[in-house]
PDB file of N, CA and C in Angstrom:
ATOM      1  N   UNK A   1       5.016   4.061   9.606  1.00  0.00           N
ATOM      2  CA  UNK A   1       4.072   3.662  10.059  1.00  0.00           C
ATOM      3  C   UNK A   1       2.794   4.499  10.244  1.00  0.00           C
ATOM      4  N   UNK A   2       1.459   4.046  10.551  1.00  0.00           N
ATOM      5  CA  UNK A   2       0.371   4.764  10.473  1.00  0.00           C
ATOM      6  C   UNK A   2       0.048   5.675  11.772  1.00  0.00           C
ATOM      7  N   UNK A   3       0.701   5.209  12.748  1.00  0.00           N
ATOM      8  CA  UNK A   3       0.669   5.821  14.122  1.00  0.00           C
ATOM      9  C   UNK A   3      -0.710   5.611  14.843  1.00  0.00           C
ATOM     10  N   UNK A   4      -1.383   4.609  14.410  1.00  0.00           N
ATOM     11  CA  UNK A   4      -2.517   4.261  15.058  1.00  0.00           C
ATOM     12  C   UNK A   4      -2.468   2.582  15.023  1.00  0.00           C
ATOM     13  N   UNK A   5      -2.873   1.931  16.206  1.00  0.00           N
ATOM     14  CA  UNK A   5      -3.089   0.395  16.217  1.00  0.00           C
ATOM     15  C   UNK A   5      -4.215   0.532  17.365  1.00  0.00           C
ATOM     16  N   UNK A   6      -5.015  -0.386  16.697  1.00  0.00           N
ATOM     17  CA  UNK A   6      -6.208  -0.839  17.565  1.00  0.00           C
ATOM     18  C   UNK A   6      -5.642  -1.484  18.903  1.00  0.00           C
ATOM     19  N   UNK A   7      -6.190  -1.251  20.172  1.00  0.00           N
ATOM     20  CA  UNK A   7      -5.849  -1.753  21.372  1.00  0.00           C
ATOM     21  C   UNK A   7      -6.051  -3.031  21.317  1.00  0.00           C
ATOM     22  N   UNK A   8      -7.250  -3.484  21.061  1.00  0.00           N
ATOM     23  CA  UNK A   8      -7.832  -5.075  20.999  1.00  0.00           C
ATOM     24  C   UNK A   8      -7.670  -5.496  19.880  1.00  0.00           C
ATOM     25  N   UNK A   9      -6.908  -6.734  19.812  1.00  0.00           N
ATOM     26  CA  UNK A   9      -6.797  -7.453  18.461  1.00  0.00           C
ATOM     27  C   UNK A   9      -8.282  -8.197  18.178  1.00  0.00           C
ATOM     28  N   UNK A  10      -8.525  -7.586  16.849  1.00  0.00           N
ATOM     29  CA  UNK A  10      -9.763  -8.289  16.355  1.00  0.00           C
ATOM     30  C   UNK A  10      -9.341  -9.438  15.499  1.00  0.00           C
ATOM     31  N   UNK A  11      -8.123  -9.453  15.172  1.00  0.00           N
ATOM     32  CA  UNK A  11      -7.646 -10.864  14.391  1.00  0.00           C
ATOM     33  C   UNK A  11      -6.296 -11.019  15.171  1.00  0.00           C
ATOM     34  N   UNK A  12      -6.098 -12.199  15.812  1.00  0.00           N
ATOM     35  CA  UNK A  12      -4.832 -12.415  16.675  1.00  0.00           C
ATOM     36  C   UNK A  12      -3.613 -12.683  15.773  1.00  0.00           C
ATOM     37  N   UNK A  13      -3.710 -13.185  14.432  1.00  0.00           N
ATOM     38  CA  UNK A  13      -2.789 -13.494  13.690  1.00  0.00           C
ATOM     39  C   UNK A  13      -2.007 -12.471  12.907  1.00  0.00           C
ATOM     40  N   UNK A  14      -0.824 -12.776  12.340  1.00  0.00           N
ATOM     41  CA  UNK A  14      -0.031 -12.034  11.309  1.00  0.00           C
ATOM     42  C   UNK A  14      -0.784 -11.798  10.244  1.00  0.00           C
ATOM     43  N   UNK A  15      -0.536 -10.394   9.780  1.00  0.00           N
ATOM     44  CA  UNK A  15      -1.307  -9.978   8.462  1.00  0.00           C
ATOM     45  C   UNK A  15      -0.134  -9.616   7.579  1.00  0.00           C
ATOM     46  N   UNK A  16       0.065  -9.897   6.475  1.00  0.00           N
ATOM     47  CA  UNK A  16       1.284  -9.247   5.381  1.00  0.00           C
ATOM     48  C   UNK A  16       0.306  -8.742   4.176  1.00  0.00           C
ATOM     49  N   UNK A  17       0.366  -7.434   4.056  1.00  0.00           N
ATOM     50  CA  UNK A  17      -0.385  -6.775   2.939  1.00  0.00           C
ATOM     51  C   UNK A  17       0.689  -6.538   2.007  1.00  0.00           C
ATOM     52  N   UNK A  18       0.556  -7.099   0.794  1.00  0.00           N
ATOM     53  CA  UNK A  18       1.574  -7.020  -0.139  1.00  0.00           C
ATOM     54  C   UNK A  18       1.024  -5.917  -1.307  1.00  0.00           C
ATOM     55  N   UNK A  19       1.894  -4.927  -1.451  1.00  0.00           N
ATOM     56  CA  UNK A  19       1.705  -3.916  -2.333  1.00  0.00           C
ATOM     57  C   UNK A  19       2.665  -3.892  -3.389  1.00  0.00           C
ATOM     58  N   UNK A  20       2.862  -2.820  -4.645  1.00  0.00           N
ATOM     59  CA  UNK A  20       3.779  -2.647  -5.489  1.00  0.00           C
ATOM     60  C   UNK A  20       3.377  -1.432  -5.999  1.00  0.00           C
ATOM     61  N   UNK A  21       4.246  -1.014  -7.221  1.00  0.00           N
ATOM     62  CA  UNK A  21       4.024   0.159  -7.723  1.00  0.00           C
ATOM     63  C   UNK A  21       2.903   0.481  -8.571  1.00  0.00           C
ATOM     64  N   UNK A  22       2.114  -0.855  -8.904  1.00  0.00           N
ATOM     65  CA  UNK A  22       0.704  -0.437  -9.503  1.00  0.00           C
ATOM     66  C   UNK A  22      -0.478  -0.593  -8.459  1.00  0.00           C
ATOM     67  N   UNK A  23      -0.055  -0.615  -7.077  1.00  0.00           N
ATOM     68  CA  UNK A  23      -1.159  -0.371  -6.133  1.00  0.00           C
ATOM     69  C   UNK A  23      -1.463   0.933  -5.979  1.00  0.00           C
ATOM     70  N   UNK A  24      -2.677   1.429  -6.104  1.00  0.00           N
ATOM     71  CA  UNK A  24      -2.970   2.867  -6.156  1.00  0.00           C
ATOM     72  C   UNK A  24      -4.466   2.949  -5.716  1.00  0.00           C
ATOM     73  N   UNK A  25      -4.822   4.078  -5.480  1.00  0.00           N
ATOM     74  CA  UNK A  25      -6.215   4.492  -5.063  1.00  0.00           C
ATOM     75  C   UNK A  25      -6.815   3.608  -4.130  1.00  0.00           C
ATOM     76  N   UNK A  26      -7.763   2.816  -4.558  1.00  0.00           N
ATOM     77  CA  UNK A  26      -8.632   2.032  -3.292  1.00  0.00           C
ATOM     78  C   UNK A  26      -7.725   0.890  -2.603  1.00  0.00           C
ATOM     79  N   UNK A  27      -6.607   0.488  -3.568  1.00  0.00           N
ATOM     80  CA  UNK A  27      -5.881  -0.476  -2.882  1.00  0.00           C
ATOM     81  C   UNK A  27      -4.941   0.256  -1.897  1.00  0.00           C
ATOM     82  N   UNK A  28      -4.453   1.467  -2.169  1.00  0.00           N
ATOM     83  CA  UNK A  28      -3.781   2.086  -1.090  1.00  0.00           C
ATOM     84  C   UNK A  28      -4.582   2.641   0.173  1.00  0.00           C
ATOM     85  N   UNK A  29      -5.789   2.894   0.000  1.00  0.00           N
ATOM     86  CA  UNK A  29      -6.844   3.045   1.111  1.00  0.00           C
ATOM     87  C   UNK A  29      -7.029   1.827   1.944  1.00  0.00           C
ATOM     88  N   UNK A  30      -7.112   0.601   1.221  1.00  0.00           N
ATOM     89  CA  UNK A  30      -7.283  -0.750   1.866  1.00  0.00           C
ATOM     90  C   UNK A  30      -6.031  -0.985   2.788  1.00  0.00           C
ATOM     91  N   UNK A  31      -4.779  -0.907   2.121  1.00  0.00           N
ATOM     92  CA  UNK A  31      -3.746  -0.885   2.794  1.00  0.00           C
ATOM     93  C   UNK A  31      -3.438  -0.314   3.981  1.00  0.00           C
ATOM     94  N   UNK A  32      -3.848   1.038   3.970  1.00  0.00           N
ATOM     95  CA  UNK A  32      -3.917   2.004   5.083  1.00  0.00           C
ATOM     96  C   UNK A  32      -4.911   1.371   6.210  1.00  0.00           C
ATOM     97  N   UNK A  33      -6.039   0.762   5.754  1.00  0.00           N
ATOM     98  CA  UNK A  33      -6.797   0.165   6.785  1.00  0.00           C
ATOM     99  C   UNK A  33      -6.132  -1.153   7.496  1.00  0.00           C
ATOM    100  N   UNK A  34      -5.788  -1.864   6.716  1.00  0.00           N
ATOM    101  CA  UNK A  34      -5.170  -3.005   7.127  1.00  0.00           C
ATOM    102  C   UNK A  34      -4.071  -2.700   8.184  1.00  0.00           C
ATOM    103  N   UNK A  35      -3.389  -1.753   7.977  1.00  0.00           N
ATOM    104  CA  UNK A  35      -2.055  -1.231   8.726  1.00  0.00           C
ATOM    105  C   UNK A  35      -2.533  -0.966  10.251  1.00  0.00           C
ATOM    106  N   UNK A  36      -3.929  -0.709  10.527  1.00  0.00           N
ATOM    107  CA  UNK A  36      -4.187  -0.562  11.643  1.00  0.00           C
ATOM    108  C   UNK A  36      -4.470  -1.777  12.674  1.00  0.00           C
ATOM    109  N   UNK A  37      -4.304  -2.929  11.943  1.00  0.00           N
ATOM    110  CA  UNK A  37      -4.293  -4.155  12.771  1.00  0.00           C
ATOM    111  C   UNK A  37      -3.113  -4.448  13.483  1.00  0.00           C
ATOM    112  N   UNK A  38      -3.238  -5.088  14.656  1.00  0.00           N
ATOM    113  CA  UNK A  38      -1.847  -4.958  15.480  1.00  0.00           C
ATOM    114  C   UNK A  38      -0.847  -5.850  15.212  1.00  0.00           C
ATOM    115  N   UNK A  39      -1.113  -6.711  14.145  1.00  0.00           N
ATOM    116  CA  UNK A  39       0.052  -7.814  13.879  1.00  0.00           C
ATOM    117  C   UNK A  39       0.111  -7.641  12.167  1.00  0.00           C
ATOM    118  N   UNK A  40      -0.046  -6.325  11.875  1.00  0.00           N
ATOM    119  CA  UNK A  40      -0.028  -6.275  10.288  1.00  0.00           C
ATOM    120  C   UNK A  40       1.338  -5.735   9.746  1.00  0.00           C
ATOM    121  N   UNK A  41       1.666  -5.923   8.545  1.00  0.00           N
ATOM    122  CA  UNK A  41       2.884  -5.157   7.899  1.00  0.00           C
ATOM    123  C   UNK A  41       2.441  -4.848   6.516  1.00  0.00           C
ATOM    124  N   UNK A  42       2.983  -3.748   6.082  1.00  0.00           N
ATOM    125  CA  UNK A  42       2.823  -3.350   4.459  1.00  0.00           C
ATOM    126  C   UNK A  42       4.167  -3.847   4.225  1.00  0.00           C
ATOM    127  N   UNK A  43       3.869  -4.633   3.080  1.00  0.00           N
ATOM    128  CA  UNK A  43       5.231  -5.278   2.549  1.00  0.00           C
ATOM    129  C   UNK A  43       5.464  -5.148   0.978  1.00  0.00           C
ATOM    130  N   UNK A  44       6.309  -4.776   0.448  1.00  0.00           N
ATOM    131  CA  UNK A  44       6.468  -4.664  -1.005  1.00  0.00           C
ATOM    132  C   UNK A  44       7.292  -3.815  -1.371  1.00  0.00           C
ATOM    133  N   UNK A  45       6.761  -3.012  -2.529  1.00  0.00           N
ATOM    134  CA  UNK A  45       7.446  -1.960  -2.837  1.00  0.00           C
ATOM    135  C   UNK A  45       6.656  -0.293  -2.974  1.00  0.00           C
ATOM    136  N   UNK A  46       7.150   0.606  -3.005  1.00  0.00           N
ATOM    137  CA  UNK A  46       6.344   1.856  -3.023  1.00  0.00           C
ATOM    138  C   UNK A  46       5.073   1.716  -4.112  1.00  0.00           C
ATOM    139  N   UNK A  47       3.910   2.254  -3.344  1.00  0.00           N
ATOM    140  CA  UNK A  47       2.717   2.239  -4.073  1.00  0.00           C
ATOM    141  C   UNK A  47       2.738   3.517  -5.132  1.00  0.00           C
ATOM    142  N   UNK A  48       1.720   3.600  -5.788  1.00  0.00           N
ATOM    143  CA  UNK A  48       1.606   4.639  -6.809  1.00  0.00           C
ATOM    144  C   UNK A  48       1.359   6.050  -6.356  1.00  0.00           C
ATOM    145  N   UNK A  49       0.696   6.212  -5.036  1.00  0.00           N
ATOM    146  CA  UNK A  49       0.500   7.491  -4.541  1.00  0.00           C
ATOM    147  C   UNK A  49      -0.641   8.291  -5.080  1.00  0.00           C
ATOM    148  N   UNK A  50      -1.575   7.398  -5.377  1.00  0.00           N
ATOM    149  CA  UNK A  50      -2.729   8.101  -6.188  1.00  0.00           C
ATOM    150  C   UNK A  50      -4.141   8.010  -5.468  1.00  0.00           C
ATOM    151  N   UNK A  51      -3.929   7.779  -3.932  1.00  0.00           N
ATOM    152  CA  UNK A  51      -5.485   7.620  -3.462  1.00  0.00           C
ATOM    153  C   UNK A  51      -5.999   8.918  -3.327  1.00  0.00           C
ATOM    154  N   UNK A  52      -7.322   8.956  -3.344  1.00  0.00           N
ATOM    155  CA  UNK A  52      -8.045   9.966  -3.332  1.00  0.00           C
ATOM    156  C   UNK A  52      -9.160  10.312  -4.309  1.00  0.00           C
ATOM    157  N   UNK A  53     -10.171  10.999  -4.167  1.00  0.00           N
ATOM    158  CA  UNK A  53     -10.988  11.401  -5.061  1.00  0.00           C
ATOM    159  C   UNK A  53     -10.745  12.192  -6.283  1.00  0.00           C
ATOM    160  N   UNK A  54     -11.124  12.034  -7.552  1.00  0.00           N
ATOM    161  CA  UNK A  54     -10.924  12.828  -8.744  1.00  0.00           C
ATOM    162  C   UNK A  54     -12.148  13.586  -9.312  1.00  0.00           C
ATOM    163  N   UNK A  55     -12.011  14.699 -10.220  1.00  0.00           N
ATOM    164  CA  UNK A  55     -12.850  14.844 -11.041  1.00  0.00           C
ATOM    165  C   UNK A  55     -12.417  15.357 -12.427  1.00  0.00           C
ATOM    166  N   UNK A  56     -13.195  15.549 -13.208  1.00  0.00           N
ATOM    167  CA  UNK A  56     -12.624  15.734 -14.582  1.00  0.00           C
ATOM    168  C   UNK A  56     -13.487  16.968 -15.168  1.00  0.00           C
ATOM    169  N   UNK A  57     -12.750  17.828 -15.784  1.00  0.00           N
ATOM    170  CA  UNK A  57     -13.322  18.848 -16.666  1.00  0.00           C
ATOM    171  C   UNK A  57     -13.074  18.901 -18.051  1.00  0.00           C
ATOM    172  N   UNK A  58     -13.979  18.789 -18.945  1.00  0.00           N
ATOM    173  CA  UNK A  58     -13.682  18.909 -20.556  1.00  0.00           C
ATOM    174  C   UNK A  58     -13.291  20.042 -20.783  1.00  0.00           C
ATOM    175  N   UNK A  59     -12.287  20.276 -21.742  1.00  0.00           N
ATOM    176  CA  UNK A  59     -11.637  21.283 -22.414  1.00  0.00           C
ATOM    177  C   UNK A  59     -11.854  21.543 -23.689  1.00  0.00           C
ATOM    178  N   UNK A  60     -11.794  22.694 -24.148  1.00  0.00           N
ATOM    179  CA  UNK A  60     -11.854  22.765 -25.646  1.00  0.00           C
ATOM    180  C   UNK A  60     -10.799  21.969 -26.493  1.00  0.00           C
ATOM    181  N   UNK A  61     -11.278  21.295 -27.511  1.00  0.00           N
ATOM    182  CA  UNK A  61     -10.662  20.372 -28.514  1.00  0.00           C
ATOM    183  C   UNK A  61     -10.473  18.835 -28.093  1.00  0.00           C
ATOM    184  N   UNK A  62     -11.676  18.481 -27.110  1.00  0.00           N
ATOM    185  CA  UNK A  62     -11.436  17.211 -26.891  1.00  0.00           C
ATOM    186  C   UNK A  62     -10.779  16.705 -25.511  1.00  0.00           C
ATOM    187  N   UNK A  63     -10.160  17.574 -24.943  1.00  0.00           N
ATOM    188  CA  UNK A  63      -9.265  17.357 -23.889  1.00  0.00           C
ATOM    189  C   UNK A  63     -10.075  17.291 -22.579  1.00  0.00           C
ATOM    190  N   UNK A  64      -9.666  16.291 -22.002  1.00  0.00           N
ATOM    191  CA  UNK A  64     -10.334  15.774 -20.654  1.00  0.00           C
ATOM    192  C   UNK A  64      -9.259  16.146 -19.515  1.00  0.00           C
ATOM    193  N   UNK A  65      -9.311  17.113 -18.656  1.00  0.00           N
ATOM    194  CA  UNK A  65      -8.511  17.540 -17.690  1.00  0.00           C
ATOM    195  C   UNK A  65      -9.062  16.803 -16.422  1.00  0.00           C
ATOM    196  N   UNK A  66      -8.136  15.774 -15.665  1.00  0.00           N
ATOM    197  CA  UNK A  66      -8.664  15.306 -14.272  1.00  0.00           C
ATOM    198  C   UNK A  66      -7.661  15.595 -13.255  1.00  0.00           C
ATOM    199  N   UNK A  67      -8.324  15.710 -11.888  1.00  0.00           N
ATOM    200  CA  UNK A  67      -7.417  16.103 -10.909  1.00  0.00           C
ATOM    201  C   UNK A  67      -8.026  15.877  -9.753  1.00  0.00           C
ATOM    202  N   UNK A  68      -7.096  15.597  -8.621  1.00  0.00           N
ATOM    203  CA  UNK A  68      -7.305  15.235  -7.199  1.00  0.00           C
ATOM    204  C   UNK A  68      -8.434  16.424  -6.570  1.00  0.00           C
ATOM    205  N   UNK A  69      -9.379  15.836  -5.905  1.00  0.00           N
ATOM    206  CA  UNK A  69     -10.302  16.805  -5.068  1.00  0.00           C
ATOM    207  C   UNK A  69     -10.335  16.348  -3.876  1.00  0.00           C
ATOM    208  N   UNK A  70     -10.043  15.303  -3.539  1.00  0.00           N
ATOM    209  CA  UNK A  70      -9.851  14.775  -2.146  1.00  0.00           C
ATOM    210  C   UNK A  70      -8.538  13.935  -1.718  1.00  0.00           C
ATOM    211  N   UNK A  71      -8.329  13.941  -0.497  1.00  0.00           N
ATOM    212  CA  UNK A  71      -6.953  13.371  -0.414  1.00  0.00           C
ATOM    213  C   UNK A  71      -7.081  12.219   0.992  1.00  0.00           C
ATOM    214  N   UNK A  72      -6.216  11.497   1.189  1.00  0.00           N
ATOM    215  CA  UNK A  72      -6.244  10.534   2.397  1.00  0.00           C
ATOM    216  C   UNK A  72      -5.186  10.590   3.040  1.00  0.00           C
ATOM    217  N   UNK A  73      -5.105  10.894   4.302  1.00  0.00           N
ATOM    218  CA  UNK A  73      -4.161  11.159   5.286  1.00  0.00           C
ATOM    219  C   UNK A  73      -3.819  10.127   6.551  1.00  0.00           C
ATOM    220  N   UNK A  74      -2.678   9.937   6.955  1.00  0.00           N
ATOM    221  CA  UNK A  74      -2.500   9.253   7.972  1.00  0.00           C
ATOM    222  C   UNK A  74      -2.844  10.089   9.432  1.00  0.00           C
ATOM    223  N   UNK A  75      -3.031   9.409  10.466  1.00  0.00           N
ATOM    224  CA  UNK A  75      -3.509  10.157  11.683  1.00  0.00           C
ATOM    225  C   UNK A  75      -2.171  11.478  11.785  1.00  0.00           C
ATOM    226  N   UNK A  76      -1.048  11.170  11.529  1.00  0.00           N
ATOM    227  CA  UNK A  76      -0.132  12.237  11.708  1.00  0.00           C
ATOM    228  C   UNK A  76      -0.197  13.407  10.563  1.00  0.00           C
ATOM    229  N   UNK A  77      -1.235  13.241   9.936  1.00  0.00           N
ATOM    230  CA  UNK A  77      -1.366  14.054   8.721  1.00  0.00           C
ATOM    231  C   UNK A  77      -0.380  13.875   7.432  1.00  0.00           C
ATOM    232  N   UNK A  78       0.506  12.900   7.553  1.00  0.00           N
ATOM    233  CA  UNK A  78       1.198  12.518   6.057  1.00  0.00           C
ATOM    234  C   UNK A  78       0.262  12.250   5.233  1.00  0.00           C
ATOM    235  N   UNK A  79       0.275  12.726   3.974  1.00  0.00           N
ATOM    236  CA  UNK A  79      -0.577  12.154   2.990  1.00  0.00           C
ATOM    237  C   UNK A  79      -0.069  11.067   1.937  1.00  0.00           C
ATOM    238  N   UNK A  80      -0.671  10.242   1.383  1.00  0.00           N
ATOM    239  CA  UNK A  80      -0.331   9.356   0.360  1.00  0.00           C
ATOM    240  C   UNK A  80      -0.251   9.897  -0.927  1.00  0.00           C
ATOM    241  N   UNK A  81      -0.803  11.012  -1.103  1.00  0.00           N
ATOM    242  CA  UNK A  81      -0.745  11.511  -2.657  1.00  0.00           C
ATOM    243  C   UNK A  81       0.710  11.797  -2.967  1.00  0.00           C
ATOM    244  N   UNK A  82       1.299  11.206  -4.032  1.00  0.00           N
ATOM    245  CA  UNK A  82       2.582  11.447  -4.677  1.00  0.00           C
ATOM    246  C   UNK A  82       3.609  10.634  -3.712  1.00  0.00           C
ATOM    247  N   UNK A  83       3.265  10.261  -2.863  1.00  0.00           N
ATOM    248  CA  UNK A  83       4.301   9.528  -1.673  1.00  0.00           C
ATOM    249  C   UNK A  83       3.894   7.902  -1.621  1.00  0.00           C
ATOM    250  N   UNK A  84       2.686   7.569  -1.756  1.00  0.00           N
ATOM    251  CA  UNK A  84       2.257   6.025  -1.513  1.00  0.00           C
ATOM    252  C   UNK A  84       2.133   5.752  -0.070  1.00  0.00           C
ATOM    253  N   UNK A  85       1.809   4.624   0.259  1.00  0.00           N
ATOM    254  CA  UNK A  85       1.515   4.070   1.582  1.00  0.00           C
ATOM    255  C   UNK A  85       3.035   3.974   2.181  1.00  0.00           C
ATOM    256  N   UNK A  86       3.040   4.022   3.641  1.00  0.00           N
ATOM    257  CA  UNK A  86       4.195   3.562   4.312  1.00  0.00           C
ATOM    258  C   UNK A  86       4.478   2.185   4.123  1.00  0.00           C
ATOM    259  N   UNK A  87       5.717   1.700   3.866  1.00  0.00           N
ATOM    260  CA  UNK A  87       6.248   0.436   3.584  1.00  0.00           C
ATOM    261  C   UNK A  87       7.035  -0.075   4.830  1.00  0.00           C
ATOM    262  N   UNK A  88       6.488  -1.034   5.433  1.00  0.00           N
ATOM    263  CA  UNK A  88       7.234  -1.527   6.681  1.00  0.00           C
ATOM    264  C   UNK A  88       8.455  -2.522   6.309  1.00  0.00           C
ATOM    265  N   UNK A  89       8.115  -3.420   5.392  1.00  0.00           N
ATOM    266  CA  UNK A  89       9.260  -4.405   4.965  1.00  0.00           C
ATOM    267  C   UNK A  89       9.300  -4.111   3.412  1.00  0.00           C
ATOM    268  N   UNK A  90      10.424  -3.624   2.858  1.00  0.00           N
ATOM    269  CA  UNK A  90      10.578  -3.466   1.525  1.00  0.00           C
ATOM    270  C   UNK A  90      11.308  -4.727   0.732  1.00  0.00           C
ATOM    271  N   UNK A  91      10.520  -5.014  -0.118  1.00  0.00           N
ATOM    272  CA  UNK A  91      10.960  -6.513  -1.131  1.00  0.00           C
ATOM    273  C   UNK A  91      10.405  -6.148  -2.374  1.00  0.00           C
ATOM    274  N   UNK A  92      11.269  -6.374  -3.408  1.00  0.00           N
ATOM    275  CA  UNK A  92      10.902  -6.363  -4.833  1.00  0.00           C
ATOM    276  C   UNK A  92      11.306  -7.589  -5.597  1.00  0.00           C
ATOM    277  N   UNK A  93      10.683  -8.021  -6.407  1.00  0.00           N
ATOM    278  CA  UNK A  93      11.160  -9.000  -7.321  1.00  0.00           C
ATOM    279  C   UNK A  93      12.661  -8.765  -7.850  1.00  0.00           C
ATOM    280  N   UNK A  94      13.366  -9.604  -8.103  1.00  0.00           N
ATOM    281  CA  UNK A  94      14.680  -9.604  -8.865  1.00  0.00           C
ATOM    282  C   UNK A  94      14.604 -10.241 -10.091  1.00  0.00           C
ATOM    283  N   UNK A  95      15.582 -10.065 -11.036  1.00  0.00           N
ATOM    284  CA  UNK A  95      15.766 -10.702 -12.284  1.00  0.00           C
ATOM    285  C   UNK A  95      16.032 -12.164 -12.016  1.00  0.00           C
ATOM    286  N   UNK A  96      16.942 -12.466 -11.042  1.00  0.00           N
ATOM    287  CA  UNK A  96      17.252 -13.950 -10.946  1.00  0.00           C
ATOM    288  C   UNK A  96      15.870 -14.619 -10.370  1.00  0.00           C
ATOM    289  N   UNK A  97      15.074 -13.918  -9.486  1.00  0.00           N
ATOM    290  CA  UNK A  97      13.981 -14.505  -8.912  1.00  0.00           C
ATOM    291  C   UNK A  97      12.824 -14.955 -10.225  1.00  0.00           C
ATOM    292  N   UNK A  98      12.783 -13.752 -10.882  1.00  0.00           N
ATOM    293  CA  UNK A  98      11.683 -14.159 -12.141  1.00  0.00           C
ATOM    294  C   UNK A  98      12.299 -15.240 -12.942  1.00  0.00           C
ATOM    295  N   UNK A  99      13.675 -15.331 -13.280  1.00  0.00           N
ATOM    296  CA  UNK A  99      14.169 -16.352 -14.136  1.00  0.00           C
ATOM    297  C   UNK A  99      13.806 -17.696 -13.628  1.00  0.00           C
ATOM    298  N   UNK A 100      14.095 -17.848 -12.153  1.00  0.00           N
ATOM    299  CA  UNK A 100      13.503 -18.871 -11.674  1.00  0.00           C
ATOM    300  C   UNK A 100      12.440 -19.226 -11.339  1.00  0.00           C
ATOM    301  N   UNK A 101      11.290 -18.450 -11.792  1.00  0.00           N
ATOM    302  CA  UNK A 101      10.005 -18.696 -11.564  1.00  0.00           C
ATOM    303  C   UNK A 101       9.723 -18.393  -9.891  1.00  0.00           C
ATOM    304  N   UNK A 102      10.387 -17.615  -9.251  1.00  0.00           N
ATOM    305  CA  UNK A 102      10.154 -17.476  -7.883  1.00  0.00           C
ATOM    306  C   UNK A 102       9.190 -16.059  -7.626  1.00  0.00           C
ATOM    307  N   UNK A 103       8.519 -16.183  -6.622  1.00  0.00           N
ATOM    308  CA  UNK A 103       7.552 -15.012  -6.238  1.00  0.00           C
ATOM    309  C   UNK A 103       8.314 -14.385  -4.974  1.00  0.00           C
ATOM    310  N   UNK A 104       9.284 -13.806  -4.982  1.00  0.00           N
ATOM    311  CA  UNK A 104      10.203 -13.525  -3.971  1.00  0.00           C
ATOM    312  C   UNK A 104       9.381 -12.636  -2.896  1.00  0.00           C
ATOM    313  N   UNK A 105       8.345 -11.670  -3.373  1.00  0.00           N
ATOM    314  CA  UNK A 105       7.582 -10.967  -2.459  1.00  0.00           C
ATOM    315  C   UNK A 105       6.669 -11.873  -1.691  1.00  0.00           C
ATOM    316  N   UNK A 106       6.021 -12.734  -2.425  1.00  0.00           N
ATOM    317  CA  UNK A 106       5.266 -13.839  -1.397  1.00  0.00           C
ATOM    318  C   UNK A 106       6.185 -14.465  -0.500  1.00  0.00           C
ATOM    319  N   UNK A 107       7.234 -15.072  -1.242  1.00  0.00           N
ATOM    320  CA  UNK A 107       7.960 -16.014  -0.225  1.00  0.00           C
ATOM    321  C   UNK A 107       8.471 -14.922   1.000  1.00  0.00           C
ATOM    322  N   UNK A 108       8.813 -13.782   0.899  1.00  0.00           N
ATOM    323  CA  UNK A 108       8.914 -12.822   2.116  1.00  0.00           C
ATOM    324  C   UNK A 108       7.728 -12.786   2.934  1.00  0.00           C
ATOM    325  N   UNK A 109       6.724 -12.709   2.333  1.00  0.00           N
ATOM    326  CA  UNK A 109       5.507 -12.752   3.186  1.00  0.00           C
ATOM    327  C   UNK A 109       5.314 -13.904   4.032  1.00  0.00           C
ATOM    328  N   UNK A 110       5.512 -15.067   3.465  1.00  0.00           N
ATOM    329  CA  UNK A 110       5.463 -16.282   4.026  1.00  0.00           C
ATOM    330  C   UNK A 110       6.488 -16.459   5.326  1.00  0.00           C
ATOM    331  N   UNK A 111       7.506 -15.908   5.005  1.00  0.00           N
ATOM    332  CA  UNK A 111       8.630 -15.880   6.076  1.00  0.00           C
ATOM    333  C   UNK A 111       8.101 -15.093   7.218  1.00  0.00           C
ATOM    334  N   UNK A 112       7.509 -14.072   7.079  1.00  0.00           N
ATOM    335  CA  UNK A 112       7.244 -13.020   8.105  1.00  0.00           C
ATOM    336  C   UNK A 112       5.875 -13.822   8.843  1.00  0.00           C
ATOM    337  N   UNK A 113       4.953 -14.397   8.047  1.00  0.00           N
ATOM    338  CA  UNK A 113       3.876 -14.998   8.777  1.00  0.00           C
ATOM    339  C   UNK A 113       4.540 -16.064   9.684  1.00  0.00           C
ATOM    340  N   UNK A 114       5.489 -16.775   9.391  1.00  0.00           N
ATOM    341  CA  UNK A 114       6.018 -18.030  10.070  1.00  0.00           C
ATOM    342  C   UNK A 114       6.818 -17.568  11.160  1.00  0.00           C
ATOM    343  N   UNK A 115       7.609 -16.526  10.922  1.00  0.00           N
ATOM    344  CA  UNK A 115       8.651 -16.193  11.816  1.00  0.00           C
ATOM    345  C   UNK A 115       8.307 -14.823  12.747  1.00  0.00           C
ATOM    346  N   UNK A 116       7.401 -14.104  12.175  1.00  0.00           N
ATOM    347  CA  UNK A 116       7.270 -12.801  12.632  1.00  0.00           C
ATOM    348  C   UNK A 116       8.183 -11.815  12.431  1.00  0.00           C
ATOM    349  N   UNK A 117       9.256 -12.144  11.452  1.00  0.00           N
ATOM    350  CA  UNK A 117      10.278 -11.276  11.318  1.00  0.00           C
ATOM    351  C   UNK A 117      10.365 -11.072  10.087  1.00  0.00           C
TER     352      UNK A 117
END
């Protein structure tokens, strides 16, 4: 968990933020921001772990080197680089669900919104 929750709810209903292994950079930063809402959960599978600013340097031979120049951290100084955002409820699609044309992650989010669990 991010370690910080607003004391006064600015949105009183439940929030389920859906993420997965292709959620990166700005998506991770948004997930971290939504996580501060009092009734929010981050749901899905581990994110990319690529939040932060980057820069690039041209090298001989037409090679372009890119690397991180800034990072994003939780209030307890945990970083998201290489780790991804904190997941509250882990859920991933299954082969059986895909075959049955079900969105198991979305179904789990609806369950959370309806029950709070």
